[in-house]
Amino acid sequence: MDYFINQTIHFDSINGLLNLIGNDNSVVQLSRPGSRLLTELITHSGNTLTREELLRTVWEEHGLRPSGSNLSNHISLLRKVFSQLGVNQNIIITVPKQGFRFDAEVTLIRPSSGSSKATDRNSKNEKNNLPAIQLKSSHGRDTFKKNLIICLTIVITLLVIYFSLTTYVSHSKTPGTININSCHIIDLDSDSDRNREVKLKLLASLIKEKHINCKSNNSTVYFRFSNLFPIKDYDQSSVFLATCRKNKKNRLTHCESFLSTTIKKP
């Protein structure tokens, strides 16, 4: 799941990533226990979770030995991370003799209708899925030839995309933000310039496929591709795409996930 915290921080609970919205150099990678701990606190925001509950759900249920010192260390680390991301107030509150409470504004990026079906279709490689680059596994004596063909295909694809992209994409002056087909776009990737042309090509196809109309509801599109070009066969490629509106107080509202799915499964 994806969450916006205090309207400024994006949390990808699946990949354990925290970053400031629209900031290219602010991504923090959490450990798996750290990501599970933050997810538990966020999903129970405003409620106090006991140490016993957190030790059970974060460590014990995942085959790890629970430890009170581990919990304290991870709480301290999460507080430092939020401080580094510019959150001045303490949003993880210690409740004496009880446990911990997450005290922040949390916006859940809800999946749109049919997004789960889109995930199933992707796993079956149907034709109307995301136009992704599929990297097939190769074994034995044909490995070198197949990898060479894949590399050549990627190079040719990048060249074609580079020369065709300028016909419909205009870039904004703000780092990490662009415009596609009248949609204001924010790339949540830590390096928005990496594989920029490929990402924008795929994103333009998604906006068209999902019939996202930015003019009618004055919304902003947030996106991030993970492992766009997997190096190893067991790596997984995925994409996150969501839209949010802003109310009169400039607060994010009506956040909706149009697609959070796998491009390539290991």
C-alpha atoms as a PDB file:
ATOM      1  CA  MET A   1       0.000   0.000   0.000  1.00  0.00           C
ATOM      2  CA  ASP A   2       1.017   3.624  -0.483  1.00  0.00           C
ATOM      3  CA  TYR A   3       0.419   6.473   1.950  1.00  0.00           C
ATOM      4  CA  PHE A   4       0.943  10.225   2.102  1.00  0.00           C
ATOM      5  CA  ILE A   5       2.029  11.393   5.574  1.00  0.00           C
ATOM      6  CA  ASN A   6       1.284  15.008   6.590  1.00  0.00           C
ATOM      7  CA  GLN A   7       0.759  15.812   2.907  1.00  0.00           C
ATOM      8  CA  THR A   8       4.524  15.905   2.369  1.00  0.00           C
ATOM      9  CA  ILE A   9       5.950  12.372   2.653  1.00  0.00           C
ATOM     10  CA  HIS A  10       5.224   9.367   0.469  1.00  0.00           C
ATOM     11  CA  PHE A  11       5.529   5.908   2.054  1.00  0.00           C
ATOM     12  CA  ASP A  12       5.662   2.811  -0.140  1.00  0.00           C
ATOM     13  CA  SER A  13       5.049   0.033   2.384  1.00  0.00           C
ATOM     14  CA  ILE A  14       5.695  -2.765  -0.126  1.00  0.00           C
ATOM     15  CA  ASN A  15       9.214  -1.617  -0.989  1.00  0.00           C
ATOM     16  CA  GLY A  16       9.894   0.122   2.343  1.00  0.00           C
ATOM     17  CA  LEU A  17      10.597   3.535   0.775  1.00  0.00           C
ATOM     18  CA  LEU A  18      10.062   6.953   2.375  1.00  0.00           C
ATOM     19  CA  ASN A  19      10.593  10.194   0.476  1.00  0.00           C
ATOM     20  CA  LEU A  20       9.508  13.809   0.283  1.00  0.00           C
ATOM     21  CA  ILE A  21       6.982  14.357  -2.497  1.00  0.00           C
ATOM     22  CA  GLY A  22       8.675  15.999  -5.474  1.00  0.00           C
ATOM     23  CA  ASN A  23      12.168  15.872  -3.943  1.00  0.00           C
ATOM     24  CA  ASP A  24      14.679  13.861  -5.985  1.00  0.00           C
ATOM     25  CA  ASN A  25      17.237  13.448  -3.211  1.00  0.00           C
ATOM     26  CA  SER A  26      15.196  12.432  -0.199  1.00  0.00           C
ATOM     27  CA  VAL A  27      14.546   8.693  -0.545  1.00  0.00           C
ATOM     28  CA  VAL A  28      15.154   6.557   2.545  1.00  0.00           C
ATOM     29  CA  GLN A  29      15.167   2.757   2.326  1.00  0.00           C
ATOM     30  CA  LEU A  30      13.824   1.099   5.470  1.00  0.00           C
ATOM     31  CA  SER A  31      14.698  -2.406   6.608  1.00  0.00           C
ATOM     32  CA  ARG A  32      11.924  -4.982   6.378  1.00  0.00           C
ATOM     33  CA  PRO A  33      11.191  -4.885  10.136  1.00  0.00           C
ATOM     34  CA  GLY A  34      11.320  -1.072  10.000  1.00  0.00           C
ATOM     35  CA  SER A  35       8.859  -1.002   7.098  1.00  0.00           C
ATOM     36  CA  ARG A  36       6.500  -3.446   8.842  1.00  0.00           C
ATOM     37  CA  LEU A  37       6.719  -1.417  12.064  1.00  0.00           C
ATOM     38  CA  LEU A  38       5.862   1.849  10.314  1.00  0.00           C
ATOM     39  CA  THR A  39       3.006   0.146   8.440  1.00  0.00           C
ATOM     40  CA  GLU A  40       1.535  -1.116  11.721  1.00  0.00           C
ATOM     41  CA  LEU A  41       1.765   2.350  13.286  1.00  0.00           C
ATOM     42  CA  ILE A  42       0.257   4.058  10.227  1.00  0.00           C
ATOM     43  CA  THR A  43      -2.644   1.633   9.811  1.00  0.00           C
ATOM     44  CA  HIS A  44      -3.506   2.174  13.489  1.00  0.00           C
ATOM     45  CA  SER A  45      -2.850   5.925  13.415  1.00  0.00           C
ATOM     46  CA  GLY A  46      -4.292   7.669  16.457  1.00  0.00           C
ATOM     47  CA  ASN A  47      -4.458   4.434  18.471  1.00  0.00           C
ATOM     48  CA  THR A  48      -1.927   3.137  20.956  1.00  0.00           C
ATOM     49  CA  LEU A  49      -0.258  -0.157  20.080  1.00  0.00           C
ATOM     50  CA  THR A  50       1.341  -2.074  22.936  1.00  0.00           C
ATOM     51  CA  ARG A  51       4.913  -3.298  22.767  1.00  0.00           C
ATOM     52  CA  GLU A  52       3.631  -6.865  22.853  1.00  0.00           C
ATOM     53  CA  GLU A  53       1.394  -6.268  19.809  1.00  0.00           C
ATOM     54  CA  LEU A  54       4.222  -4.719  17.810  1.00  0.00           C
ATOM     55  CA  LEU A  55       6.714  -7.432  18.753  1.00  0.00           C
ATOM     56  CA  ARG A  56       4.231 -10.080  17.647  1.00  0.00           C
ATOM     57  CA  THR A  57       3.129  -8.528  14.333  1.00  0.00           C
ATOM     58  CA  VAL A  58       6.513  -7.138  13.248  1.00  0.00           C
ATOM     59  CA  TRP A  59       8.895  -9.870  14.388  1.00  0.00           C
ATOM     60  CA  GLU A  60       7.299 -13.025  15.808  1.00  0.00           C
ATOM     61  CA  GLU A  61       4.740 -13.575  13.008  1.00  0.00           C
ATOM     62  CA  HIS A  62       7.585 -13.332  10.470  1.00  0.00           C
ATOM     63  CA  GLY A  63       9.729 -15.985  12.106  1.00  0.00           C
ATOM     64  CA  LEU A  64      12.016 -13.523  13.882  1.00  0.00           C
ATOM     65  CA  ARG A  65      12.949 -13.482  17.540  1.00  0.00           C
ATOM     66  CA  PRO A  66      11.139 -10.583  19.243  1.00  0.00           C
ATOM     67  CA  SER A  67      13.258  -8.240  21.310  1.00  0.00           C
ATOM     68  CA  GLY A  68      12.311  -5.156  23.285  1.00  0.00           C
ATOM     69  CA  SER A  69      15.642  -3.541  22.465  1.00  0.00           C
ATOM     70  CA  ASN A  70      15.082  -4.120  18.732  1.00  0.00           C
ATOM     71  CA  LEU A  71      11.708  -2.416  18.971  1.00  0.00           C
ATOM     72  CA  SER A  72      13.184   0.577  20.807  1.00  0.00           C
ATOM     73  CA  ASN A  73      16.027   0.858  18.298  1.00  0.00           C
ATOM     74  CA  HIS A  74      13.659   0.775  15.299  1.00  0.00           C
ATOM     75  CA  ILE A  75      11.361   3.385  16.889  1.00  0.00           C
ATOM     76  CA  SER A  76      14.378   5.629  17.428  1.00  0.00           C
ATOM     77  CA  LEU A  77      15.531   5.079  13.833  1.00  0.00           C
ATOM     78  CA  LEU A  78      12.088   5.937  12.402  1.00  0.00           C
ATOM     79  CA  ARG A  79      12.062   9.168  14.419  1.00  0.00           C
ATOM     80  CA  LYS A  80      15.472  10.099  13.018  1.00  0.00           C
ATOM     81  CA  VAL A  81      14.289   9.373   9.474  1.00  0.00           C
ATOM     82  CA  PHE A  82      11.247  11.628   9.847  1.00  0.00           C
ATOM     83  CA  SER A  83      13.480  14.335  11.311  1.00  0.00           C
ATOM     84  CA  GLN A  84      15.792  14.043   8.287  1.00  0.00           C
ATOM     85  CA  LEU A  85      12.757  14.418   6.014  1.00  0.00           C
ATOM     86  CA  GLY A  86      11.834  17.692   7.695  1.00  0.00           C
ATOM     87  CA  VAL A  87       9.156  16.530  10.144  1.00  0.00           C
ATOM     88  CA  ASN A  88       9.959  18.685  13.165  1.00  0.00           C
ATOM     89  CA  GLN A  89       7.311  17.385  15.539  1.00  0.00           C
ATOM     90  CA  ASN A  90       7.507  13.924  17.058  1.00  0.00           C
ATOM     91  CA  ILE A  91       4.842  11.920  15.223  1.00  0.00           C
ATOM     92  CA  ILE A  92       5.659   8.620  16.941  1.00  0.00           C
ATOM     93  CA  ILE A  93       4.466   9.179  20.490  1.00  0.00           C
ATOM     94  CA  THR A  94       5.615   7.058  23.413  1.00  0.00           C
ATOM     95  CA  VAL A  95       2.679   6.288  25.699  1.00  0.00           C
ATOM     96  CA  PRO A  96       4.160   5.532  29.140  1.00  0.00           C
ATOM     97  CA  LYS A  97       3.618   1.940  30.348  1.00  0.00           C
ATOM     98  CA  GLN A  98       1.491   1.216  27.266  1.00  0.00           C
ATOM     99  CA  GLY A  99       3.259   1.446  23.926  1.00  0.00           C
ATOM    100  CA  PHE A 100       3.408   3.772  20.913  1.00  0.00           C
ATOM    101  CA  ARG A 101       0.968   5.911  18.928  1.00  0.00           C
ATOM    102  CA  PHE A 102       1.370   7.376  15.432  1.00  0.00           C
ATOM    103  CA  ASP A 103       0.182  10.985  15.499  1.00  0.00           C
ATOM    104  CA  ALA A 104       0.113  12.398  11.961  1.00  0.00           C
ATOM    105  CA  GLU A 105      -2.240  13.034   9.070  1.00  0.00           C
ATOM    106  CA  VAL A 106      -2.309   9.914   6.898  1.00  0.00           C
ATOM    107  CA  THR A 107      -3.795   9.718   3.406  1.00  0.00           C
ATOM    108  CA  LEU A 108      -4.271   6.220   2.033  1.00  0.00           C
ATOM    109  CA  ILE A 109      -3.825   5.892  -1.726  1.00  0.00           C
ATOM    110  CA  ARG A 110      -6.851   3.750  -2.464  1.00  0.00           C
ATOM    111  CA  PRO A 111      -6.841   1.480  -5.528  1.00  0.00           C
ATOM    112  CA  SER A 112      -9.350   2.418  -8.197  1.00  0.00           C
ATOM    113  CA  SER A 113     -11.979  -0.069  -9.303  1.00  0.00           C
ATOM    114  CA  GLY A 114     -10.483  -2.806 -11.428  1.00  0.00           C
ATOM    115  CA  SER A 115      -6.884  -2.287 -10.324  1.00  0.00           C
ATOM    116  CA  SER A 116      -6.754  -5.779  -8.816  1.00  0.00           C
ATOM    117  CA  LYS A 117      -8.030  -7.163 -12.094  1.00  0.00           C
ATOM    118  CA  ALA A 118      -5.281  -5.289 -13.866  1.00  0.00           C
ATOM    119  CA  THR A 119      -2.747  -7.027 -11.634  1.00  0.00           C
ATOM    120  CA  ASP A 120      -4.192 -10.429 -12.540  1.00  0.00           C
ATOM    121  CA  ARG A 121      -4.122  -9.585 -16.216  1.00  0.00           C
ATOM    122  CA  ASN A 122      -0.498  -8.530 -15.952  1.00  0.00           C
ATOM    123  CA  SER A 123       0.465 -11.857 -14.440  1.00  0.00           C
ATOM    124  CA  LYS A 124      -1.146 -13.588 -17.427  1.00  0.00           C
ATOM    125  CA  ASN A 125       0.596 -11.280 -19.960  1.00  0.00           C
ATOM    126  CA  GLU A 126      -2.577 -10.195 -21.741  1.00  0.00           C
ATOM    127  CA  LYS A 127      -2.318  -7.792 -24.662  1.00  0.00           C
ATOM    128  CA  ASN A 128      -3.987  -4.778 -23.052  1.00  0.00           C
ATOM    129  CA  ASN A 129      -1.520  -4.575 -20.173  1.00  0.00           C
ATOM    130  CA  LEU A 130       1.201  -1.994 -19.611  1.00  0.00           C
ATOM    131  CA  PRO A 131       3.532  -1.879 -22.630  1.00  0.00           C
ATOM    132  CA  ALA A 132       6.500  -3.091 -20.613  1.00  0.00           C
ATOM    133  CA  ILE A 133       9.831  -4.549 -21.621  1.00  0.00           C
ATOM    134  CA  GLN A 134       9.707  -8.238 -20.746  1.00  0.00           C
ATOM    135  CA  LEU A 135      13.001  -9.853 -19.837  1.00  0.00           C
ATOM    136  CA  LYS A 136      12.764 -13.625 -20.203  1.00  0.00           C
ATOM    137  CA  SER A 137      14.914 -16.037 -18.279  1.00  0.00           C
ATOM    138  CA  SER A 138      17.688 -17.767 -20.172  1.00  0.00           C
ATOM    139  CA  HIS A 139      19.730 -20.831 -19.326  1.00  0.00           C
ATOM    140  CA  GLY A 140      22.508 -22.959 -20.744  1.00  0.00           C
ATOM    141  CA  ARG A 141      24.411 -22.199 -23.920  1.00  0.00           C
ATOM    142  CA  ASP A 142      21.812 -19.743 -25.264  1.00  0.00           C
ATOM    143  CA  THR A 143      22.202 -17.311 -22.336  1.00  0.00           C
ATOM    144  CA  PHE A 144      24.740 -15.037 -24.040  1.00  0.00           C
ATOM    145  CA  LYS A 145      22.776 -14.782 -27.303  1.00  0.00           C
ATOM    146  CA  LYS A 146      19.502 -14.018 -25.538  1.00  0.00           C
ATOM    147  CA  ASN A 147      21.082 -11.377 -23.313  1.00  0.00           C
ATOM    148  CA  LEU A 148      22.703  -9.757 -26.348  1.00  0.00           C
ATOM    149  CA  ILE A 149      19.356  -9.611 -28.138  1.00  0.00           C
ATOM    150  CA  ILE A 150      17.736  -8.083 -25.046  1.00  0.00           C
ATOM    151  CA  CYS A 151      20.428  -5.400 -24.799  1.00  0.00           C
ATOM    152  CA  LEU A 152      20.077  -4.510 -28.476  1.00  0.00           C
ATOM    153  CA  THR A 153      16.298  -4.357 -28.132  1.00  0.00           C
ATOM    154  CA  ILE A 154      16.581  -1.992 -25.172  1.00  0.00           C
ATOM    155  CA  VAL A 155      19.022   0.282 -27.010  1.00  0.00           C
ATOM    156  CA  ILE A 156      16.819   0.454 -30.102  1.00  0.00           C
ATOM    157  CA  THR A 157      13.718   1.079 -27.964  1.00  0.00           C
ATOM    158  CA  LEU A 158      15.430   3.923 -26.121  1.00  0.00           C
ATOM    159  CA  LEU A 159      16.482   5.551 -29.379  1.00  0.00           C
ATOM    160  CA  VAL A 160      12.984   5.326 -30.850  1.00  0.00           C
ATOM    161  CA  ILE A 161      11.411   6.707 -27.678  1.00  0.00           C
ATOM    162  CA  TYR A 162      13.934   9.550 -27.469  1.00  0.00           C
ATOM    163  CA  PHE A 163      13.134  10.859 -30.948  1.00  0.00           C
ATOM    164  CA  SER A 164       9.368  10.411 -30.653  1.00  0.00           C
ATOM    165  CA  LEU A 165       8.829  11.665 -27.111  1.00  0.00           C
ATOM    166  CA  THR A 166       9.334  15.362 -27.805  1.00  0.00           C
ATOM    167  CA  THR A 167       6.175  15.464 -29.937  1.00  0.00           C
ATOM    168  CA  TYR A 168       3.847  15.263 -26.967  1.00  0.00           C
ATOM    169  CA  VAL A 169       5.742  15.796 -23.686  1.00  0.00           C
ATOM    170  CA  SER A 170       6.597  19.211 -22.240  1.00  0.00           C
ATOM    171  CA  HIS A 171       8.870  19.507 -19.195  1.00  0.00           C
ATOM    172  CA  SER A 172       8.243  21.834 -16.295  1.00  0.00           C
ATOM    173  CA  LYS A 173      11.018  23.823 -14.582  1.00  0.00           C
ATOM    174  CA  THR A 174      10.556  22.151 -11.203  1.00  0.00           C
ATOM    175  CA  PRO A 175      12.890  19.156 -10.665  1.00  0.00           C
ATOM    176  CA  GLY A 176      10.960  15.884 -10.699  1.00  0.00           C
ATOM    177  CA  THR A 177       7.835  17.466 -12.246  1.00  0.00           C
ATOM    178  CA  ILE A 178       6.661  17.315 -15.846  1.00  0.00           C
ATOM    179  CA  ASN A 179       3.507  17.629 -17.912  1.00  0.00           C
ATOM    180  CA  ILE A 180       1.966  14.982 -20.141  1.00  0.00           C
ATOM    181  CA  ASN A 181      -1.223  15.547 -22.087  1.00  0.00           C
ATOM    182  CA  SER A 182      -2.256  18.440 -19.787  1.00  0.00           C
ATOM    183  CA  CYS A 183      -1.551  16.358 -16.674  1.00  0.00           C
ATOM    184  CA  HIS A 184       0.806  17.775 -14.057  1.00  0.00           C
ATOM    185  CA  ILE A 185       3.162  14.911 -13.150  1.00  0.00           C
ATOM    186  CA  ILE A 186       5.376  14.297 -10.122  1.00  0.00           C
ATOM    187  CA  ASP A 187       7.979  11.547 -10.309  1.00  0.00           C
ATOM    188  CA  LEU A 188       8.481   9.962  -6.875  1.00  0.00           C
ATOM    189  CA  ASP A 189      11.711   8.310  -7.964  1.00  0.00           C
ATOM    190  CA  SER A 190      14.868   9.426  -6.185  1.00  0.00           C
ATOM    191  CA  ASP A 191      16.479  10.046  -9.588  1.00  0.00           C
ATOM    192  CA  SER A 192      13.786  11.419 -11.876  1.00  0.00           C
ATOM    193  CA  ASP A 193      16.243  11.884 -14.765  1.00  0.00           C
ATOM    194  CA  ARG A 194      17.217   8.213 -14.894  1.00  0.00           C
ATOM    195  CA  ASN A 195      15.464   6.421 -17.792  1.00  0.00           C
ATOM    196  CA  ARG A 196      13.302   9.551 -18.102  1.00  0.00           C
ATOM    197  CA  GLU A 197      12.258   9.018 -21.721  1.00  0.00           C
ATOM    198  CA  VAL A 198      11.270   5.393 -21.171  1.00  0.00           C
ATOM    199  CA  LYS A 199       9.268   6.216 -18.048  1.00  0.00           C
ATOM    200  CA  LEU A 200       7.395   9.069 -19.717  1.00  0.00           C
ATOM    201  CA  LYS A 201       6.549   6.924 -22.727  1.00  0.00           C
ATOM    202  CA  LEU A 202       5.079   4.217 -20.505  1.00  0.00           C
ATOM    203  CA  LEU A 203       3.358   6.804 -18.321  1.00  0.00           C
ATOM    204  CA  ALA A 204       1.710   8.490 -21.310  1.00  0.00           C
ATOM    205  CA  SER A 205       0.329   5.103 -22.375  1.00  0.00           C
ATOM    206  CA  LEU A 206      -1.032   4.491 -18.875  1.00  0.00           C
ATOM    207  CA  ILE A 207      -2.722   7.901 -18.680  1.00  0.00           C
ATOM    208  CA  LYS A 208      -4.405   7.234 -21.991  1.00  0.00           C
ATOM    209  CA  GLU A 209      -5.323   3.648 -21.097  1.00  0.00           C
ATOM    210  CA  LYS A 210      -6.800   4.601 -17.708  1.00  0.00           C
ATOM    211  CA  HIS A 211      -8.695   7.593 -19.208  1.00  0.00           C
ATOM    212  CA  ILE A 212      -7.196  10.006 -16.680  1.00  0.00           C
ATOM    213  CA  ASN A 213      -8.652  13.462 -17.341  1.00  0.00           C
ATOM    214  CA  CYS A 214      -6.594  16.035 -15.445  1.00  0.00           C
ATOM    215  CA  LYS A 215      -8.469  19.075 -16.781  1.00  0.00           C
ATOM    216  CA  SER A 216     -11.875  17.996 -15.490  1.00  0.00           C
ATOM    217  CA  ASN A 217     -10.873  17.486 -11.858  1.00  0.00           C
ATOM    218  CA  ASN A 218      -7.682  19.569 -11.605  1.00  0.00           C
ATOM    219  CA  SER A 219      -5.669  16.625 -10.284  1.00  0.00           C
ATOM    220  CA  THR A 220      -1.969  15.818 -10.069  1.00  0.00           C
ATOM    221  CA  VAL A 221      -0.502  12.468 -11.102  1.00  0.00           C
ATOM    222  CA  TYR A 222       2.122  10.800  -8.899  1.00  0.00           C
ATOM    223  CA  PHE A 223       4.130   7.862 -10.243  1.00  0.00           C
ATOM    224  CA  ARG A 224       7.180   5.712  -9.692  1.00  0.00           C
ATOM    225  CA  PHE A 225       8.619   2.764 -11.599  1.00  0.00           C
ATOM    226  CA  SER A 226      10.574   0.160  -9.625  1.00  0.00           C
ATOM    227  CA  ASN A 227      13.240  -1.986 -11.312  1.00  0.00           C
ATOM    228  CA  LEU A 228      12.312  -0.734 -14.767  1.00  0.00           C
ATOM    229  CA  PHE A 229      15.114  -2.822 -16.314  1.00  0.00           C
ATOM    230  CA  PRO A 230      15.650  -5.862 -14.059  1.00  0.00           C
ATOM    231  CA  ILE A 231      19.225  -7.099 -14.101  1.00  0.00           C
ATOM    232  CA  LYS A 232      18.481 -10.550 -12.767  1.00  0.00           C
ATOM    233  CA  ASP A 233      15.700 -12.947 -13.693  1.00  0.00           C
ATOM    234  CA  TYR A 234      14.311 -13.048 -10.149  1.00  0.00           C
ATOM    235  CA  ASP A 235      14.047  -9.244  -9.870  1.00  0.00           C
ATOM    236  CA  GLN A 236      10.540  -7.798  -9.982  1.00  0.00           C
ATOM    237  CA  SER A 237       9.430  -4.749 -11.976  1.00  0.00           C
ATOM    238  CA  SER A 238       6.420  -2.725 -10.851  1.00  0.00           C
ATOM    239  CA  VAL A 239       4.748   0.657 -11.275  1.00  0.00           C
ATOM    240  CA  PHE A 240       2.847   2.942  -8.890  1.00  0.00           C
ATOM    241  CA  LEU A 241       0.390   5.483 -10.341  1.00  0.00           C
ATOM    242  CA  ALA A 242      -2.017   7.653  -8.359  1.00  0.00           C
ATOM    243  CA  THR A 243      -3.923  10.915  -8.716  1.00  0.00           C
ATOM    244  CA  CYS A 244      -4.734  13.447  -5.997  1.00  0.00           C
ATOM    245  CA  ARG A 245      -6.709  16.678  -5.951  1.00  0.00           C
ATOM    246  CA  LYS A 246      -6.052  19.707  -3.754  1.00  0.00           C
ATOM    247  CA  ASN A 247      -8.733  21.483  -1.772  1.00  0.00           C
ATOM    248  CA  LYS A 248      -8.986  25.198  -1.047  1.00  0.00           C
ATOM    249  CA  LYS A 249      -6.476  24.833   1.792  1.00  0.00           C
ATOM    250  CA  ASN A 250      -4.000  23.248  -0.614  1.00  0.00           C
ATOM    251  CA  ARG A 251      -4.350  19.855   1.077  1.00  0.00           C
ATOM    252  CA  LEU A 252      -4.290  16.588  -0.851  1.00  0.00           C
ATOM    253  CA  THR A 253      -7.712  14.978  -1.179  1.00  0.00           C
ATOM    254  CA  HIS A 254      -9.451  12.276  -3.230  1.00  0.00           C
ATOM    255  CA  CYS A 255      -6.244  10.286  -3.730  1.00  0.00           C
ATOM    256  CA  GLU A 256      -6.840   7.301  -5.976  1.00  0.00           C
ATOM    257  CA  SER A 257      -4.487   4.593  -7.146  1.00  0.00           C
ATOM    258  CA  PHE A 258      -5.064   3.798 -10.816  1.00  0.00           C
ATOM    259  CA  LEU A 259      -2.403   1.126 -11.012  1.00  0.00           C
ATOM    260  CA  SER A 260      -0.030  -0.498  -8.587  1.00  0.00           C
ATOM    261  CA  THR A 261       0.956  -3.680 -10.257  1.00  0.00           C
ATOM    262  CA  THR A 262       3.743  -5.918 -11.428  1.00  0.00           C
ATOM    263  CA  ILE A 263       5.348  -5.486 -14.837  1.00  0.00           C
ATOM    264  CA  LYS A 264       7.537  -8.554 -14.526  1.00  0.00           C
ATOM    265  CA  LYS A 265       7.371 -11.233 -11.853  1.00  0.00           C
ATOM    266  CA  PRO A 266      10.375 -13.343 -10.924  1.00  0.00           C
END
